[in-house]
């Protein structure tokens, strides 16, 4: 029995190491400490992914959907500046990266923020189809950054970083999502009109060709990777 429990403990530890969270916001030229501006996620100990794209937890995967927003600080950033997320491990799973933003009403630290059809995509890093196979440029990095569109109106926002890991995505529900939502106050913005707008959950069905895919056995007539979700709004 002791040997079994020891083996189980080792396997559990290996599983945690095999995955990751996105606890740190990169903003204003600095990387914040864990969970200061990013809402603490349910997997902050286990590092396990979320796979149900229809769950309300898919939005931000908070530890507590009601309490966590109010326990998280809000970072002030400039429109047009560079922000991002740093993981607690390397992104060694091959996958698709994206970032979404949503106006936060009544405030970024409110549980109600981002609960409607308010989300828009501001960045993506898809795999590249080369020589008959998919290449994943961001595999093995431990952070990603992107630019807030300069024309984004000033105000409070949620920004949601996501990796859809595709190493076991050959069946529905196989894509593994690693998510972090940070709380922002955007200043010196413009008069842009972000879109197209989507709901989260609701942005994916799980049947998109970019999420339901065997990356190790592509069909002979494979046309190239198709990003899931809406087009990127660049301002």
C-alpha atoms as a PDB file:
ATOM      1  CA  UNK A   1       0.000   0.000   0.000  1.00  0.00           C
ATOM      2  CA  UNK A   2       2.820   2.384   0.880  1.00  0.00           C
ATOM      3  CA  UNK A   3       4.484   1.657  -2.454  1.00  0.00           C
ATOM      4  CA  UNK A   4       1.220   2.388  -4.275  1.00  0.00           C
ATOM      5  CA  UNK A   5       0.766   5.700  -2.460  1.00  0.00           C
ATOM      6  CA  UNK A   6       4.362   6.669  -3.182  1.00  0.00           C
ATOM      7  CA  UNK A   7       3.878   5.908  -6.877  1.00  0.00           C
ATOM      8  CA  UNK A   8       0.636   7.915  -6.905  1.00  0.00           C
ATOM      9  CA  UNK A   9       2.388  10.867  -5.304  1.00  0.00           C
ATOM     10  CA  UNK A  10       5.158  10.744  -7.911  1.00  0.00           C
ATOM     11  CA  UNK A  11       2.643  10.597 -10.763  1.00  0.00           C
ATOM     12  CA  UNK A  12       0.696  13.521  -9.309  1.00  0.00           C
ATOM     13  CA  UNK A  13       3.863  15.570  -9.028  1.00  0.00           C
ATOM     14  CA  UNK A  14       4.808  14.739 -12.610  1.00  0.00           C
ATOM     15  CA  UNK A  15       1.345  15.794 -13.808  1.00  0.00           C
ATOM     16  CA  UNK A  16       1.661  19.164 -12.083  1.00  0.00           C
ATOM     17  CA  UNK A  17       5.089  19.755 -13.579  1.00  0.00           C
ATOM     18  CA  UNK A  18       3.775  18.743 -17.003  1.00  0.00           C
ATOM     19  CA  UNK A  19       1.306  21.657 -17.083  1.00  0.00           C
ATOM     20  CA  UNK A  20       1.327  25.337 -16.188  1.00  0.00           C
ATOM     21  CA  UNK A  21      -0.593  28.418 -15.099  1.00  0.00           C
ATOM     22  CA  UNK A  22      -0.394  32.068 -16.207  1.00  0.00           C
ATOM     23  CA  UNK A  23      -0.046  33.867 -12.861  1.00  0.00           C
ATOM     24  CA  UNK A  24       2.004  36.935 -13.783  1.00  0.00           C
ATOM     25  CA  UNK A  25       0.984  40.032 -15.724  1.00  0.00           C
ATOM     26  CA  UNK A  26       3.699  41.703 -17.797  1.00  0.00           C
ATOM     27  CA  UNK A  27       3.021  45.459 -18.000  1.00  0.00           C
ATOM     28  CA  UNK A  28       4.856  48.761 -17.825  1.00  0.00           C
ATOM     29  CA  UNK A  29       8.152  46.984 -18.475  1.00  0.00           C
ATOM     30  CA  UNK A  30       7.849  44.768 -15.412  1.00  0.00           C
ATOM     31  CA  UNK A  31       6.626  41.294 -14.529  1.00  0.00           C
ATOM     32  CA  UNK A  32       4.328  41.308 -11.503  1.00  0.00           C
ATOM     33  CA  UNK A  33       4.378  38.711  -8.756  1.00  0.00           C
ATOM     34  CA  UNK A  34       2.037  35.741  -8.906  1.00  0.00           C
ATOM     35  CA  UNK A  35      -1.689  36.501  -8.789  1.00  0.00           C
ATOM     36  CA  UNK A  36      -1.374  40.219  -8.075  1.00  0.00           C
ATOM     37  CA  UNK A  37      -3.162  41.401 -11.224  1.00  0.00           C
ATOM     38  CA  UNK A  38      -4.179  37.990 -12.584  1.00  0.00           C
ATOM     39  CA  UNK A  39      -7.197  36.343 -11.013  1.00  0.00           C
ATOM     40  CA  UNK A  40      -6.124  33.226  -9.117  1.00  0.00           C
ATOM     41  CA  UNK A  41      -7.199  30.185 -11.112  1.00  0.00           C
ATOM     42  CA  UNK A  42      -8.579  26.873  -9.906  1.00  0.00           C
ATOM     43  CA  UNK A  43      -5.449  25.107 -11.116  1.00  0.00           C
ATOM     44  CA  UNK A  44      -3.020  27.280  -9.156  1.00  0.00           C
ATOM     45  CA  UNK A  45      -1.803  24.161  -7.319  1.00  0.00           C
ATOM     46  CA  UNK A  46      -2.526  21.335  -9.761  1.00  0.00           C
ATOM     47  CA  UNK A  47      -1.645  23.223 -12.986  1.00  0.00           C
ATOM     48  CA  UNK A  48      -4.295  21.067 -14.687  1.00  0.00           C
ATOM     49  CA  UNK A  49      -5.980  22.497 -17.805  1.00  0.00           C
ATOM     50  CA  UNK A  50      -9.641  23.190 -18.425  1.00  0.00           C
ATOM     51  CA  UNK A  51     -11.146  21.344 -21.398  1.00  0.00           C
ATOM     52  CA  UNK A  52     -14.880  22.171 -21.309  1.00  0.00           C
ATOM     53  CA  UNK A  53     -15.353  25.164 -23.622  1.00  0.00           C
ATOM     54  CA  UNK A  54     -19.027  25.441 -22.607  1.00  0.00           C
ATOM     55  CA  UNK A  55     -18.407  25.804 -18.878  1.00  0.00           C
ATOM     56  CA  UNK A  56     -18.793  29.218 -17.247  1.00  0.00           C
ATOM     57  CA  UNK A  57     -15.397  28.508 -15.697  1.00  0.00           C
ATOM     58  CA  UNK A  58     -13.910  28.675 -19.198  1.00  0.00           C
ATOM     59  CA  UNK A  59     -14.089  32.482 -19.054  1.00  0.00           C
ATOM     60  CA  UNK A  60     -11.350  33.040 -16.474  1.00  0.00           C
ATOM     61  CA  UNK A  61     -11.145  29.759 -14.517  1.00  0.00           C
ATOM     62  CA  UNK A  62     -11.168  31.642 -11.196  1.00  0.00           C
ATOM     63  CA  UNK A  63     -10.634  29.877  -7.910  1.00  0.00           C
ATOM     64  CA  UNK A  64     -13.866  31.512  -6.737  1.00  0.00           C
ATOM     65  CA  UNK A  65     -15.944  33.267  -9.417  1.00  0.00           C
ATOM     66  CA  UNK A  66     -17.519  35.593  -6.853  1.00  0.00           C
ATOM     67  CA  UNK A  67     -14.680  36.329  -4.436  1.00  0.00           C
ATOM     68  CA  UNK A  68     -11.518  36.182  -6.567  1.00  0.00           C
ATOM     69  CA  UNK A  69     -12.172  39.316  -8.689  1.00  0.00           C
ATOM     70  CA  UNK A  70     -12.391  41.528  -5.621  1.00  0.00           C
ATOM     71  CA  UNK A  71      -9.229  39.997  -4.173  1.00  0.00           C
ATOM     72  CA  UNK A  72      -7.231  40.905  -7.317  1.00  0.00           C
ATOM     73  CA  UNK A  73      -5.566  44.258  -8.003  1.00  0.00           C
ATOM     74  CA  UNK A  74      -6.067  46.289 -11.179  1.00  0.00           C
ATOM     75  CA  UNK A  75      -3.035  47.456 -13.187  1.00  0.00           C
ATOM     76  CA  UNK A  76      -3.017  50.822 -14.975  1.00  0.00           C
ATOM     77  CA  UNK A  77      -1.572  50.609 -18.501  1.00  0.00           C
ATOM     78  CA  UNK A  78      -1.359  52.870 -21.545  1.00  0.00           C
ATOM     79  CA  UNK A  79      -3.280  52.165 -24.738  1.00  0.00           C
ATOM     80  CA  UNK A  80      -0.683  51.199 -27.325  1.00  0.00           C
ATOM     81  CA  UNK A  81       1.635  49.680 -24.715  1.00  0.00           C
ATOM     82  CA  UNK A  82       2.959  46.128 -24.515  1.00  0.00           C
ATOM     83  CA  UNK A  83       1.481  43.704 -22.015  1.00  0.00           C
ATOM     84  CA  UNK A  84       1.497  39.945 -21.634  1.00  0.00           C
ATOM     85  CA  UNK A  85       1.523  36.917 -19.379  1.00  0.00           C
ATOM     86  CA  UNK A  86       4.340  34.891 -17.851  1.00  0.00           C
ATOM     87  CA  UNK A  87       3.743  31.230 -17.048  1.00  0.00           C
ATOM     88  CA  UNK A  88       5.082  29.264 -14.095  1.00  0.00           C
ATOM     89  CA  UNK A  89       6.641  26.739 -16.487  1.00  0.00           C
ATOM     90  CA  UNK A  90       7.643  26.517 -20.131  1.00  0.00           C
ATOM     91  CA  UNK A  91       4.828  26.184 -22.673  1.00  0.00           C
ATOM     92  CA  UNK A  92       6.211  22.895 -23.871  1.00  0.00           C
ATOM     93  CA  UNK A  93       2.854  21.609 -25.170  1.00  0.00           C
ATOM     94  CA  UNK A  94       2.390  22.566 -28.848  1.00  0.00           C
ATOM     95  CA  UNK A  95      -0.592  24.843 -29.253  1.00  0.00           C
ATOM     96  CA  UNK A  96      -2.376  27.979 -30.372  1.00  0.00           C
ATOM     97  CA  UNK A  97      -1.960  31.214 -28.393  1.00  0.00           C
ATOM     98  CA  UNK A  98      -4.420  34.105 -28.259  1.00  0.00           C
ATOM     99  CA  UNK A  99      -5.432  37.088 -26.148  1.00  0.00           C
ATOM    100  CA  UNK A 100      -8.900  38.577 -25.700  1.00  0.00           C
ATOM    101  CA  UNK A 101     -10.081  41.740 -23.989  1.00  0.00           C
ATOM    102  CA  UNK A 102     -13.453  42.826 -22.644  1.00  0.00           C
ATOM    103  CA  UNK A 103     -14.730  46.108 -21.219  1.00  0.00           C
ATOM    104  CA  UNK A 104     -15.214  45.547 -17.499  1.00  0.00           C
ATOM    105  CA  UNK A 105     -18.578  46.672 -16.179  1.00  0.00           C
ATOM    106  CA  UNK A 106     -19.112  47.870 -13.527  1.00  0.00           C
ATOM    107  CA  UNK A 107     -15.357  47.471 -12.829  1.00  0.00           C
ATOM    108  CA  UNK A 108     -12.446  45.162 -13.550  1.00  0.00           C
ATOM    109  CA  UNK A 109     -12.625  43.669 -10.056  1.00  0.00           C
ATOM    110  CA  UNK A 110     -16.328  42.858 -10.394  1.00  0.00           C
ATOM    111  CA  UNK A 111     -17.633  39.285 -10.827  1.00  0.00           C
ATOM    112  CA  UNK A 112     -20.014  40.651 -13.487  1.00  0.00           C
ATOM    113  CA  UNK A 113     -17.213  41.885 -15.751  1.00  0.00           C
ATOM    114  CA  UNK A 114     -16.944  40.048 -19.064  1.00  0.00           C
ATOM    115  CA  UNK A 115     -20.105  38.004 -18.614  1.00  0.00           C
ATOM    116  CA  UNK A 116     -21.803  39.136 -21.841  1.00  0.00           C
ATOM    117  CA  UNK A 117     -21.002  39.336 -25.529  1.00  0.00           C
ATOM    118  CA  UNK A 118     -18.201  41.802 -24.877  1.00  0.00           C
ATOM    119  CA  UNK A 119     -14.966  39.982 -25.743  1.00  0.00           C
ATOM    120  CA  UNK A 120     -12.747  40.712 -28.739  1.00  0.00           C
ATOM    121  CA  UNK A 121      -9.466  39.161 -29.817  1.00  0.00           C
ATOM    122  CA  UNK A 122      -6.419  41.445 -29.843  1.00  0.00           C
ATOM    123  CA  UNK A 123      -3.621  38.978 -30.626  1.00  0.00           C
ATOM    124  CA  UNK A 124      -2.897  35.457 -31.763  1.00  0.00           C
ATOM    125  CA  UNK A 125       0.104  33.251 -32.455  1.00  0.00           C
ATOM    126  CA  UNK A 126      -1.033  30.279 -34.552  1.00  0.00           C
ATOM    127  CA  UNK A 127       1.081  27.330 -35.666  1.00  0.00           C
ATOM    128  CA  UNK A 128       2.648  27.571 -39.108  1.00  0.00           C
ATOM    129  CA  UNK A 129       2.174  24.931 -41.813  1.00  0.00           C
ATOM    130  CA  UNK A 130       5.571  24.157 -43.354  1.00  0.00           C
ATOM    131  CA  UNK A 131       6.805  21.201 -45.392  1.00  0.00           C
ATOM    132  CA  UNK A 132       3.702  19.171 -44.681  1.00  0.00           C
ATOM    133  CA  UNK A 133       3.683  19.648 -40.921  1.00  0.00           C
ATOM    134  CA  UNK A 134       2.701  22.171 -38.293  1.00  0.00           C
ATOM    135  CA  UNK A 135       5.443  24.167 -36.622  1.00  0.00           C
ATOM    136  CA  UNK A 136       4.748  25.826 -33.273  1.00  0.00           C
ATOM    137  CA  UNK A 137       6.883  28.985 -32.946  1.00  0.00           C
ATOM    138  CA  UNK A 138       5.964  29.611 -29.307  1.00  0.00           C
ATOM    139  CA  UNK A 139       6.607  26.120 -27.972  1.00  0.00           C
ATOM    140  CA  UNK A 140       9.053  26.047 -25.037  1.00  0.00           C
ATOM    141  CA  UNK A 141       8.809  29.781 -24.268  1.00  0.00           C
ATOM    142  CA  UNK A 142       7.511  30.779 -20.830  1.00  0.00           C
ATOM    143  CA  UNK A 143       5.810  34.084 -21.644  1.00  0.00           C
ATOM    144  CA  UNK A 144       4.076  35.964 -24.421  1.00  0.00           C
ATOM    145  CA  UNK A 145       3.478  39.649 -25.029  1.00  0.00           C
ATOM    146  CA  UNK A 146       1.321  41.720 -27.358  1.00  0.00           C
ATOM    147  CA  UNK A 147       0.292  45.321 -27.939  1.00  0.00           C
ATOM    148  CA  UNK A 148      -2.916  46.907 -26.690  1.00  0.00           C
ATOM    149  CA  UNK A 149      -4.414  48.652 -29.745  1.00  0.00           C
ATOM    150  CA  UNK A 150      -3.714  52.382 -29.529  1.00  0.00           C
ATOM    151  CA  UNK A 151      -7.290  53.231 -30.504  1.00  0.00           C
ATOM    152  CA  UNK A 152      -8.814  51.171 -27.662  1.00  0.00           C
ATOM    153  CA  UNK A 153     -11.058  53.475 -25.620  1.00  0.00           C
ATOM    154  CA  UNK A 154      -9.901  54.291 -22.110  1.00  0.00           C
ATOM    155  CA  UNK A 155     -11.552  52.386 -19.279  1.00  0.00           C
ATOM    156  CA  UNK A 156     -11.388  49.246 -17.216  1.00  0.00           C
ATOM    157  CA  UNK A 157     -10.926  45.900 -18.948  1.00  0.00           C
ATOM    158  CA  UNK A 158     -10.278  42.242 -18.470  1.00  0.00           C
ATOM    159  CA  UNK A 159      -7.513  40.773 -20.605  1.00  0.00           C
ATOM    160  CA  UNK A 160      -7.550  37.018 -21.071  1.00  0.00           C
ATOM    161  CA  UNK A 161      -4.442  35.121 -22.173  1.00  0.00           C
ATOM    162  CA  UNK A 162      -4.939  31.615 -23.503  1.00  0.00           C
ATOM    163  CA  UNK A 163      -3.015  28.688 -24.855  1.00  0.00           C
ATOM    164  CA  UNK A 164      -4.988  25.906 -26.516  1.00  0.00           C
ATOM    165  CA  UNK A 165      -2.607  22.952 -26.257  1.00  0.00           C
ATOM    166  CA  UNK A 166      -3.174  20.550 -29.153  1.00  0.00           C
ATOM    167  CA  UNK A 167      -1.017  17.529 -28.355  1.00  0.00           C
ATOM    168  CA  UNK A 168      -4.065  15.323 -27.577  1.00  0.00           C
ATOM    169  CA  UNK A 169      -6.710  17.242 -29.571  1.00  0.00           C
ATOM    170  CA  UNK A 170      -7.655  14.458 -31.995  1.00  0.00           C
ATOM    171  CA  UNK A 171     -11.000  13.930 -30.217  1.00  0.00           C
ATOM    172  CA  UNK A 172     -13.641  16.387 -29.011  1.00  0.00           C
ATOM    173  CA  UNK A 173     -12.647  17.793 -25.638  1.00  0.00           C
ATOM    174  CA  UNK A 174      -9.009  16.859 -26.144  1.00  0.00           C
ATOM    175  CA  UNK A 175      -7.712  20.404 -26.527  1.00  0.00           C
ATOM    176  CA  UNK A 176      -6.292  21.640 -23.218  1.00  0.00           C
ATOM    177  CA  UNK A 177      -6.741  25.295 -22.312  1.00  0.00           C
ATOM    178  CA  UNK A 178      -4.413  27.243 -20.053  1.00  0.00           C
ATOM    179  CA  UNK A 179      -5.996  30.552 -19.125  1.00  0.00           C
ATOM    180  CA  UNK A 180      -5.292  33.689 -17.155  1.00  0.00           C
ATOM    181  CA  UNK A 181      -7.435  36.834 -16.763  1.00  0.00           C
ATOM    182  CA  UNK A 182      -5.795  40.084 -15.645  1.00  0.00           C
ATOM    183  CA  UNK A 183      -7.574  43.244 -14.526  1.00  0.00           C
ATOM    184  CA  UNK A 184      -6.620  46.466 -16.305  1.00  0.00           C
ATOM    185  CA  UNK A 185      -7.316  50.170 -16.233  1.00  0.00           C
ATOM    186  CA  UNK A 186      -6.451  51.473 -19.721  1.00  0.00           C
ATOM    187  CA  UNK A 187      -5.574  55.168 -20.011  1.00  0.00           C
ATOM    188  CA  UNK A 188      -4.848  57.553 -22.906  1.00  0.00           C
ATOM    189  CA  UNK A 189      -6.998  55.516 -25.244  1.00  0.00           C
ATOM    190  CA  UNK A 190      -8.700  56.399 -28.506  1.00  0.00           C
ATOM    191  CA  UNK A 191     -12.059  56.131 -30.212  1.00  0.00           C
ATOM    192  CA  UNK A 192     -11.819  52.669 -31.739  1.00  0.00           C
ATOM    193  CA  UNK A 193     -14.728  50.263 -31.928  1.00  0.00           C
ATOM    194  CA  UNK A 194     -13.462  46.791 -31.003  1.00  0.00           C
ATOM    195  CA  UNK A 195     -14.954  43.754 -32.695  1.00  0.00           C
ATOM    196  CA  UNK A 196     -16.178  41.284 -33.681  1.00  0.00           C
ATOM    197  CA  UNK A 197     -17.582  40.707 -30.213  1.00  0.00           C
ATOM    198  CA  UNK A 198     -18.052  37.227 -28.748  1.00  0.00           C
ATOM    199  CA  UNK A 199     -19.120  35.639 -25.488  1.00  0.00           C
ATOM    200  CA  UNK A 200     -16.869  33.471 -23.330  1.00  0.00           C
ATOM    201  CA  UNK A 201     -18.017  30.747 -23.002  1.00  0.00           C
ATOM    202  CA  UNK A 202     -19.569  30.655 -26.457  1.00  0.00           C
ATOM    203  CA  UNK A 203     -16.541  31.654 -28.508  1.00  0.00           C
ATOM    204  CA  UNK A 204     -15.746  27.995 -29.291  1.00  0.00           C
ATOM    205  CA  UNK A 205     -17.778  24.831 -29.793  1.00  0.00           C
ATOM    206  CA  UNK A 206     -14.854  22.424 -29.593  1.00  0.00           C
ATOM    207  CA  UNK A 207     -15.449  21.277 -33.184  1.00  0.00           C
ATOM    208  CA  UNK A 208     -13.397  24.020 -34.845  1.00  0.00           C
ATOM    209  CA  UNK A 209     -10.701  22.590 -37.152  1.00  0.00           C
ATOM    210  CA  UNK A 210      -8.103  24.480 -35.123  1.00  0.00           C
ATOM    211  CA  UNK A 211      -9.192  22.727 -31.920  1.00  0.00           C
ATOM    212  CA  UNK A 212     -10.256  19.287 -33.163  1.00  0.00           C
ATOM    213  CA  UNK A 213      -7.072  18.183 -34.901  1.00  0.00           C
ATOM    214  CA  UNK A 214      -4.479  15.426 -34.917  1.00  0.00           C
ATOM    215  CA  UNK A 215      -1.332  17.486 -35.282  1.00  0.00           C
ATOM    216  CA  UNK A 216       0.776  14.351 -35.753  1.00  0.00           C
ATOM    217  CA  UNK A 217      -1.261  12.903 -38.634  1.00  0.00           C
ATOM    218  CA  UNK A 218      -2.511  15.664 -40.920  1.00  0.00           C
ATOM    219  CA  UNK A 219      -4.551  14.751 -44.018  1.00  0.00           C
ATOM    220  CA  UNK A 220      -2.783  14.852 -47.377  1.00  0.00           C
ATOM    221  CA  UNK A 221      -4.920  17.759 -48.544  1.00  0.00           C
ATOM    222  CA  UNK A 222      -4.472  19.754 -45.318  1.00  0.00           C
ATOM    223  CA  UNK A 223      -4.849  23.467 -46.266  1.00  0.00           C
ATOM    224  CA  UNK A 224      -3.077  24.945 -43.256  1.00  0.00           C
ATOM    225  CA  UNK A 225      -4.042  25.881 -39.718  1.00  0.00           C
ATOM    226  CA  UNK A 226      -7.352  27.690 -39.193  1.00  0.00           C
ATOM    227  CA  UNK A 227      -7.445  29.828 -36.055  1.00  0.00           C
ATOM    228  CA  UNK A 228     -10.501  29.283 -33.842  1.00  0.00           C
ATOM    229  CA  UNK A 229     -12.606  32.227 -32.726  1.00  0.00           C
ATOM    230  CA  UNK A 230     -13.048  35.682 -34.265  1.00  0.00           C
ATOM    231  CA  UNK A 231     -10.602  37.703 -36.309  1.00  0.00           C
ATOM    232  CA  UNK A 232      -8.050  39.824 -34.447  1.00  0.00           C
ATOM    233  CA  UNK A 233      -9.037  43.448 -33.850  1.00  0.00           C
ATOM    234  CA  UNK A 234      -5.945  45.575 -34.407  1.00  0.00           C
ATOM    235  CA  UNK A 235      -7.506  49.001 -33.828  1.00  0.00           C
END
